[in-house]
Amino acid sequence: MRIRMKQNKNYHIIHLEDNPDVAERMSVLFENEEDVLYEHVSTVEDAFAVLDKKIPHLLLVDLMLLDDDDATPGVEFIKKAYDRYPGIIMMVLSNRGDQSLREELEPYIIAYEVKIFKPSIYKEKLLKLLKKMDEEK
């Protein structure tokens, strides 16, 4: 499943998320945001296919893509994407809050957020992060 918004935006976010409800909530958050193109992909294969064509300003990654108890698919994806796309900027958005995972992924990501049930908080954080990254260029 892929959700795309209008193309003429200043910032592009790709979100690798296997839960369609989470993806829909995030899509709704950004649908009226003039500066942000939000794109959802639900599988690692779809993510690589999109990334092969264009690198976003920010890649959001859910860790537990196949199983609610196993973060391995998301962790492996992040490491592969980091090696495959030099300079890619990634952030974890996951239900797993394990400190060991944060430490393992620290060299590959700019932030690690634990999912909560108030998605509007993510929008504010993501917009601030995108603007900060833009200022640092």
N, C-alpha and C. Protein backbone atom coordinates (compact mmCIF):
# COMPACT_ATOMS: atom_id res chain seq x y z
N MET A 1 0.85 -1.18 0.00
CA MET A 1 0.00 0.00 0.00
C MET A 1 0.89 1.24 0.00
N ARG A 2 0.58 2.19 -0.87
CA ARG A 2 1.32 3.44 -0.92
C ARG A 2 0.35 4.59 -0.91
N ILE A 3 0.62 5.56 -0.05
CA ILE A 3 -0.18 6.77 0.01
C ILE A 3 0.73 7.90 -0.44
N ARG A 4 0.31 8.63 -1.45
CA ARG A 4 1.11 9.74 -1.94
C ARG A 4 0.28 11.01 -1.88
N MET A 5 0.97 12.10 -1.69
CA MET A 5 0.32 13.40 -1.66
C MET A 5 0.83 14.20 -2.87
N LYS A 6 0.44 15.44 -2.99
CA LYS A 6 0.88 16.30 -4.09
C LYS A 6 2.40 16.36 -4.16
N GLN A 7 2.93 16.48 -5.37
CA GLN A 7 4.36 16.41 -5.59
C GLN A 7 5.13 17.70 -5.30
N ASN A 8 4.56 18.87 -5.46
CA ASN A 8 5.32 20.12 -5.35
C ASN A 8 5.38 20.60 -3.89
N LYS A 9 6.20 19.92 -3.11
CA LYS A 9 6.37 20.22 -1.69
C LYS A 9 7.83 20.47 -1.39
N ASN A 10 8.13 21.16 -0.30
CA ASN A 10 9.51 21.43 0.09
C ASN A 10 10.18 20.25 0.77
N TYR A 11 9.41 19.44 1.49
CA TYR A 11 9.96 18.32 2.25
C TYR A 11 9.25 17.03 1.85
N HIS A 12 10.02 15.96 1.78
CA HIS A 12 9.48 14.65 1.42
C HIS A 12 9.79 13.68 2.56
N ILE A 13 8.75 13.06 3.10
CA ILE A 13 8.88 12.04 4.14
C ILE A 13 8.38 10.73 3.56
N ILE A 14 9.19 9.70 3.67
CA ILE A 14 8.72 8.34 3.37
C ILE A 14 8.62 7.61 4.70
N HIS A 15 7.52 6.90 4.88
CA HIS A 15 7.25 6.21 6.14
C HIS A 15 7.08 4.72 5.86
N LEU A 16 8.02 3.91 6.35
CA LEU A 16 7.91 2.46 6.26
C LEU A 16 7.15 1.98 7.48
N GLU A 17 5.91 1.57 7.26
CA GLU A 17 5.00 1.21 8.36
C GLU A 17 4.06 0.13 7.85
N ASP A 18 4.03 -1.02 8.53
CA ASP A 18 3.17 -2.12 8.09
C ASP A 18 1.74 -2.02 8.60
N ASN A 19 1.48 -1.16 9.56
CA ASN A 19 0.14 -1.02 10.12
C ASN A 19 -0.63 0.05 9.33
N PRO A 20 -1.65 -0.34 8.57
CA PRO A 20 -2.37 0.64 7.75
C PRO A 20 -3.07 1.72 8.57
N ASP A 21 -3.48 1.41 9.79
CA ASP A 21 -4.14 2.42 10.62
C ASP A 21 -3.17 3.53 11.01
N VAL A 22 -1.95 3.16 11.37
CA VAL A 22 -0.94 4.16 11.72
C VAL A 22 -0.61 5.00 10.49
N ALA A 23 -0.43 4.35 9.35
CA ALA A 23 -0.11 5.07 8.11
C ALA A 23 -1.23 6.05 7.75
N GLU A 24 -2.46 5.63 7.90
CA GLU A 24 -3.59 6.51 7.58
C GLU A 24 -3.62 7.72 8.51
N ARG A 25 -3.38 7.50 9.80
CA ARG A 25 -3.37 8.63 10.75
C ARG A 25 -2.26 9.61 10.41
N MET A 26 -1.10 9.10 10.05
CA MET A 26 0.00 9.98 9.68
C MET A 26 -0.31 10.72 8.39
N SER A 27 -0.91 10.04 7.45
CA SER A 27 -1.27 10.67 6.18
C SER A 27 -2.25 11.82 6.40
N VAL A 28 -3.22 11.61 7.26
CA VAL A 28 -4.20 12.65 7.58
C VAL A 28 -3.51 13.85 8.22
N LEU A 29 -2.52 13.60 9.06
CA LEU A 29 -1.80 14.70 9.70
C LEU A 29 -1.15 15.64 8.68
N PHE A 30 -0.65 15.07 7.60
CA PHE A 30 0.11 15.87 6.64
C PHE A 30 -0.67 16.26 5.39
N GLU A 31 -1.92 15.82 5.25
CA GLU A 31 -2.65 16.07 4.01
C GLU A 31 -2.86 17.56 3.72
N ASN A 32 -2.95 18.37 4.73
CA ASN A 32 -3.13 19.81 4.52
C ASN A 32 -1.87 20.62 4.78
N GLU A 33 -0.77 19.93 4.98
CA GLU A 33 0.50 20.60 5.23
C GLU A 33 1.11 21.00 3.89
N GLU A 34 1.23 22.29 3.66
CA GLU A 34 1.67 22.78 2.36
C GLU A 34 3.10 22.40 2.02
N ASP A 35 3.96 22.26 3.01
CA ASP A 35 5.37 22.02 2.75
C ASP A 35 5.79 20.56 2.72
N VAL A 36 4.91 19.62 3.08
CA VAL A 36 5.34 18.24 3.29
C VAL A 36 4.61 17.27 2.36
N LEU A 37 5.40 16.49 1.65
CA LEU A 37 4.90 15.35 0.89
C LEU A 37 5.10 14.12 1.76
N TYR A 38 4.04 13.47 2.16
CA TYR A 38 4.10 12.26 2.98
C TYR A 38 3.79 11.07 2.07
N GLU A 39 4.68 10.09 2.11
CA GLU A 39 4.49 8.89 1.31
C GLU A 39 4.65 7.67 2.21
N HIS A 40 3.71 6.76 2.13
CA HIS A 40 3.74 5.56 2.96
C HIS A 40 4.06 4.34 2.09
N VAL A 41 4.93 3.50 2.62
CA VAL A 41 5.18 2.18 2.03
C VAL A 41 5.04 1.16 3.15
N SER A 42 4.54 -0.03 2.80
CA SER A 42 4.24 -0.99 3.86
C SER A 42 5.21 -2.16 3.93
N THR A 43 6.10 -2.28 2.95
CA THR A 43 7.06 -3.39 2.98
C THR A 43 8.47 -2.87 2.73
N VAL A 44 9.44 -3.67 3.14
CA VAL A 44 10.84 -3.34 2.89
C VAL A 44 11.10 -3.27 1.39
N GLU A 45 10.51 -4.19 0.65
CA GLU A 45 10.69 -4.21 -0.80
C GLU A 45 10.17 -2.92 -1.43
N ASP A 46 8.98 -2.48 -1.02
CA ASP A 46 8.42 -1.22 -1.53
C ASP A 46 9.32 -0.04 -1.16
N ALA A 47 9.84 -0.06 0.06
CA ALA A 47 10.71 1.03 0.50
C ALA A 47 11.95 1.12 -0.38
N PHE A 48 12.60 0.00 -0.63
CA PHE A 48 13.79 0.02 -1.49
C PHE A 48 13.44 0.47 -2.91
N ALA A 49 12.29 0.05 -3.42
CA ALA A 49 11.89 0.45 -4.78
C ALA A 49 11.72 1.97 -4.86
N VAL A 50 11.12 2.56 -3.85
CA VAL A 50 10.93 4.02 -3.84
C VAL A 50 12.27 4.72 -3.63
N LEU A 51 13.07 4.23 -2.71
CA LEU A 51 14.37 4.86 -2.42
C LEU A 51 15.33 4.77 -3.60
N ASP A 52 15.20 3.74 -4.41
CA ASP A 52 16.05 3.63 -5.60
C ASP A 52 15.77 4.77 -6.59
N LYS A 53 14.58 5.33 -6.51
CA LYS A 53 14.20 6.42 -7.42
C LYS A 53 14.46 7.81 -6.84
N LYS A 54 14.23 7.96 -5.53
CA LYS A 54 14.40 9.27 -4.91
C LYS A 54 14.62 9.11 -3.41
N ILE A 55 15.59 9.84 -2.89
CA ILE A 55 15.87 9.83 -1.46
C ILE A 55 15.08 10.97 -0.82
N PRO A 56 14.29 10.67 0.20
CA PRO A 56 13.49 11.72 0.84
C PRO A 56 14.34 12.58 1.78
N HIS A 57 13.76 13.63 2.27
CA HIS A 57 14.42 14.43 3.30
C HIS A 57 14.51 13.63 4.60
N LEU A 58 13.50 12.78 4.83
CA LEU A 58 13.46 11.99 6.05
C LEU A 58 12.75 10.67 5.77
N LEU A 59 13.35 9.60 6.26
CA LEU A 59 12.75 8.27 6.18
C LEU A 59 12.37 7.84 7.58
N LEU A 60 11.08 7.65 7.82
CA LEU A 60 10.58 7.14 9.10
C LEU A 60 10.49 5.62 8.99
N VAL A 61 10.95 4.93 10.01
CA VAL A 61 10.98 3.47 9.95
C VAL A 61 10.36 2.87 11.20
N ASP A 62 9.39 2.00 10.99
CA ASP A 62 8.85 1.16 12.06
C ASP A 62 9.77 -0.05 12.15
N LEU A 63 10.07 -0.50 13.35
CA LEU A 63 10.99 -1.62 13.50
C LEU A 63 10.32 -2.98 13.38
N MET A 64 9.14 -3.11 13.95
CA MET A 64 8.48 -4.41 13.99
C MET A 64 7.54 -4.54 12.80
N LEU A 65 8.10 -4.96 11.68
CA LEU A 65 7.36 -4.97 10.43
C LEU A 65 6.59 -6.26 10.18
N LEU A 66 7.03 -7.35 10.71
CA LEU A 66 6.37 -8.63 10.44
C LEU A 66 5.76 -9.25 11.67
N ASP A 67 6.25 -8.88 12.82
CA ASP A 67 5.87 -9.53 14.06
C ASP A 67 5.95 -8.49 15.18
N ASP A 68 4.93 -8.43 16.00
CA ASP A 68 4.90 -7.42 17.06
C ASP A 68 5.95 -7.62 18.15
N ASP A 69 6.65 -8.73 18.12
CA ASP A 69 7.68 -8.98 19.14
C ASP A 69 9.09 -8.96 18.58
N ASP A 70 9.25 -8.77 17.28
CA ASP A 70 10.57 -8.88 16.66
C ASP A 70 10.91 -7.61 15.88
N ALA A 71 11.94 -6.92 16.33
CA ALA A 71 12.38 -5.68 15.68
C ALA A 71 13.42 -5.94 14.59
N THR A 72 13.81 -7.19 14.40
CA THR A 72 14.88 -7.51 13.47
C THR A 72 14.65 -6.98 12.05
N PRO A 73 13.45 -7.13 11.45
CA PRO A 73 13.28 -6.64 10.07
C PRO A 73 13.55 -5.14 9.94
N GLY A 74 13.09 -4.36 10.87
CA GLY A 74 13.32 -2.92 10.80
C GLY A 74 14.77 -2.55 11.03
N VAL A 75 15.41 -3.22 11.97
CA VAL A 75 16.82 -2.96 12.26
C VAL A 75 17.67 -3.31 11.04
N GLU A 76 17.41 -4.46 10.44
CA GLU A 76 18.17 -4.87 9.25
C GLU A 76 17.93 -3.91 8.09
N PHE A 77 16.70 -3.46 7.92
CA PHE A 77 16.40 -2.51 6.86
C PHE A 77 17.20 -1.22 7.05
N ILE A 78 17.22 -0.70 8.27
CA ILE A 78 17.94 0.55 8.54
C ILE A 78 19.42 0.40 8.18
N LYS A 79 20.02 -0.69 8.58
CA LYS A 79 21.44 -0.90 8.31
C LYS A 79 21.71 -1.02 6.80
N LYS A 80 20.85 -1.74 6.10
CA LYS A 80 21.00 -1.88 4.65
C LYS A 80 20.79 -0.55 3.95
N ALA A 81 19.76 0.18 4.36
CA ALA A 81 19.48 1.48 3.73
C ALA A 81 20.63 2.45 3.97
N TYR A 82 21.20 2.42 5.14
CA TYR A 82 22.32 3.30 5.49
C TYR A 82 23.51 3.03 4.57
N ASP A 83 23.79 1.74 4.33
CA ASP A 83 24.91 1.37 3.45
C ASP A 83 24.59 1.64 1.98
N ARG A 84 23.35 1.43 1.60
CA ARG A 84 22.96 1.53 0.19
C ARG A 84 22.78 2.97 -0.28
N TYR A 85 22.35 3.85 0.62
CA TYR A 85 22.06 5.24 0.26
C TYR A 85 22.85 6.18 1.16
N PRO A 86 24.10 6.47 0.80
CA PRO A 86 24.92 7.35 1.64
C PRO A 86 24.23 8.70 1.89
N GLY A 87 24.25 9.12 3.12
CA GLY A 87 23.65 10.40 3.48
C GLY A 87 22.18 10.36 3.80
N ILE A 88 21.54 9.19 3.68
CA ILE A 88 20.10 9.11 3.97
C ILE A 88 19.86 9.46 5.44
N ILE A 89 18.80 10.18 5.70
CA ILE A 89 18.45 10.58 7.07
C ILE A 89 17.24 9.76 7.50
N MET A 90 17.42 9.01 8.58
CA MET A 90 16.37 8.11 9.05
C MET A 90 16.03 8.38 10.51
N MET A 91 14.79 8.09 10.83
CA MET A 91 14.28 8.22 12.19
C MET A 91 13.40 7.01 12.48
N VAL A 92 13.52 6.46 13.67
CA VAL A 92 12.69 5.33 14.07
C VAL A 92 11.42 5.86 14.74
N LEU A 93 10.29 5.26 14.37
CA LEU A 93 9.01 5.51 15.00
C LEU A 93 8.42 4.13 15.28
N SER A 94 8.57 3.65 16.52
CA SER A 94 8.26 2.26 16.82
C SER A 94 7.60 2.11 18.19
N ASN A 95 6.93 0.99 18.37
CA ASN A 95 6.37 0.65 19.68
C ASN A 95 7.43 0.19 20.66
N ARG A 96 8.58 -0.21 20.14
CA ARG A 96 9.67 -0.72 20.99
C ARG A 96 10.49 0.43 21.53
N GLY A 97 10.63 0.48 22.84
CA GLY A 97 11.40 1.53 23.47
C GLY A 97 12.68 1.03 24.10
N ASP A 98 13.15 -0.13 23.69
CA ASP A 98 14.33 -0.75 24.28
C ASP A 98 15.57 0.13 24.15
N GLN A 99 16.25 0.34 25.25
CA GLN A 99 17.48 1.13 25.22
C GLN A 99 18.54 0.45 24.36
N SER A 100 18.59 -0.87 24.38
CA SER A 100 19.59 -1.58 23.58
C SER A 100 19.38 -1.34 22.09
N LEU A 101 18.12 -1.27 21.66
CA LEU A 101 17.84 -0.97 20.25
C LEU A 101 18.26 0.46 19.91
N ARG A 102 17.95 1.38 20.78
CA ARG A 102 18.36 2.78 20.55
C ARG A 102 19.88 2.87 20.38
N GLU A 103 20.61 2.18 21.25
CA GLU A 103 22.06 2.22 21.20
C GLU A 103 22.59 1.55 19.93
N GLU A 104 21.99 0.44 19.55
CA GLU A 104 22.42 -0.26 18.34
C GLU A 104 22.20 0.59 17.09
N LEU A 105 21.10 1.33 17.07
CA LEU A 105 20.75 2.11 15.88
C LEU A 105 21.30 3.53 15.87
N GLU A 106 21.85 3.96 16.99
CA GLU A 106 22.32 5.35 17.11
C GLU A 106 23.21 5.81 15.96
N PRO A 107 24.15 4.99 15.46
CA PRO A 107 25.00 5.47 14.36
C PRO A 107 24.25 5.67 13.03
N TYR A 108 23.05 5.12 12.91
CA TYR A 108 22.33 5.11 11.64
C TYR A 108 21.17 6.10 11.56
N ILE A 109 20.71 6.59 12.70
CA ILE A 109 19.48 7.40 12.73
C ILE A 109 19.72 8.74 13.42
N ILE A 110 18.80 9.67 13.19
CA ILE A 110 18.91 10.97 13.86
C ILE A 110 18.01 11.05 15.09
N ALA A 111 17.00 10.18 15.16
CA ALA A 111 16.08 10.21 16.30
C ALA A 111 15.38 8.87 16.44
N TYR A 112 14.91 8.61 17.65
CA TYR A 112 14.17 7.38 17.95
C TYR A 112 12.98 7.79 18.80
N GLU A 113 11.80 7.64 18.27
CA GLU A 113 10.57 8.00 18.99
C GLU A 113 9.74 6.75 19.23
N VAL A 114 9.22 6.62 20.44
CA VAL A 114 8.31 5.54 20.76
C VAL A 114 6.89 6.01 20.41
N LYS A 115 6.16 5.16 19.69
CA LYS A 115 4.80 5.52 19.27
C LYS A 115 3.92 5.74 20.49
N ILE A 116 3.13 6.77 20.39
CA ILE A 116 2.10 7.04 21.39
C ILE A 116 0.80 7.26 20.64
N PHE A 117 -0.26 7.40 21.35
CA PHE A 117 -1.55 7.49 20.69
C PHE A 117 -2.00 8.93 20.43
N LYS A 118 -1.05 9.82 20.27
CA LYS A 118 -1.37 11.20 19.92
C LYS A 118 -0.49 11.61 18.74
N PRO A 119 -0.88 11.22 17.52
CA PRO A 119 -0.05 11.45 16.34
C PRO A 119 0.27 12.91 16.06
N SER A 120 -0.53 13.84 16.53
CA SER A 120 -0.25 15.25 16.27
C SER A 120 1.10 15.67 16.86
N ILE A 121 1.54 14.99 17.91
CA ILE A 121 2.85 15.28 18.50
C ILE A 121 3.94 14.97 17.48
N TYR A 122 3.77 13.89 16.72
CA TYR A 122 4.77 13.55 15.71
C TYR A 122 4.85 14.62 14.64
N LYS A 123 3.71 15.14 14.26
CA LYS A 123 3.71 16.16 13.21
C LYS A 123 4.55 17.36 13.66
N GLU A 124 4.32 17.83 14.86
CA GLU A 124 5.08 18.98 15.37
C GLU A 124 6.57 18.67 15.42
N LYS A 125 6.92 17.50 15.94
CA LYS A 125 8.33 17.12 16.04
C LYS A 125 8.96 16.98 14.66
N LEU A 126 8.25 16.35 13.75
CA LEU A 126 8.79 16.14 12.41
C LEU A 126 8.98 17.45 11.67
N LEU A 127 8.03 18.36 11.78
CA LEU A 127 8.17 19.66 11.12
C LEU A 127 9.36 20.44 11.67
N LYS A 128 9.52 20.41 12.98
CA LYS A 128 10.67 21.09 13.59
C LYS A 128 11.97 20.45 13.13
N LEU A 129 12.01 19.14 13.08
CA LEU A 129 13.20 18.44 12.65
C LEU A 129 13.54 18.75 11.20
N LEU A 130 12.55 18.75 10.32
CA LEU A 130 12.79 19.06 8.90
C LEU A 130 13.32 20.47 8.73
N LYS A 131 12.74 21.42 9.44
CA LYS A 131 13.19 22.81 9.34
C LYS A 131 14.59 22.99 9.89
N LYS A 132 14.89 22.28 10.98
CA LYS A 132 16.23 22.35 11.56
C LYS A 132 17.26 21.78 10.59
N MET A 133 16.94 20.64 9.97
CA MET A 133 17.84 20.03 9.01
C MET A 133 18.07 20.97 7.83
N ASP A 134 17.02 21.64 7.40
CA ASP A 134 17.11 22.58 6.28
C ASP A 134 18.02 23.75 6.64
N GLU A 135 17.93 24.24 7.86
CA GLU A 135 18.76 25.37 8.30
C GLU A 135 20.23 24.98 8.40
N GLU A 136 20.50 23.71 8.69
CA GLU A 136 21.87 23.24 8.86
C GLU A 136 22.59 22.98 7.55
N LYS A 137 21.86 23.00 6.42
CA LYS A 137 22.48 22.77 5.11
C LYS A 137 23.41 23.86 4.72
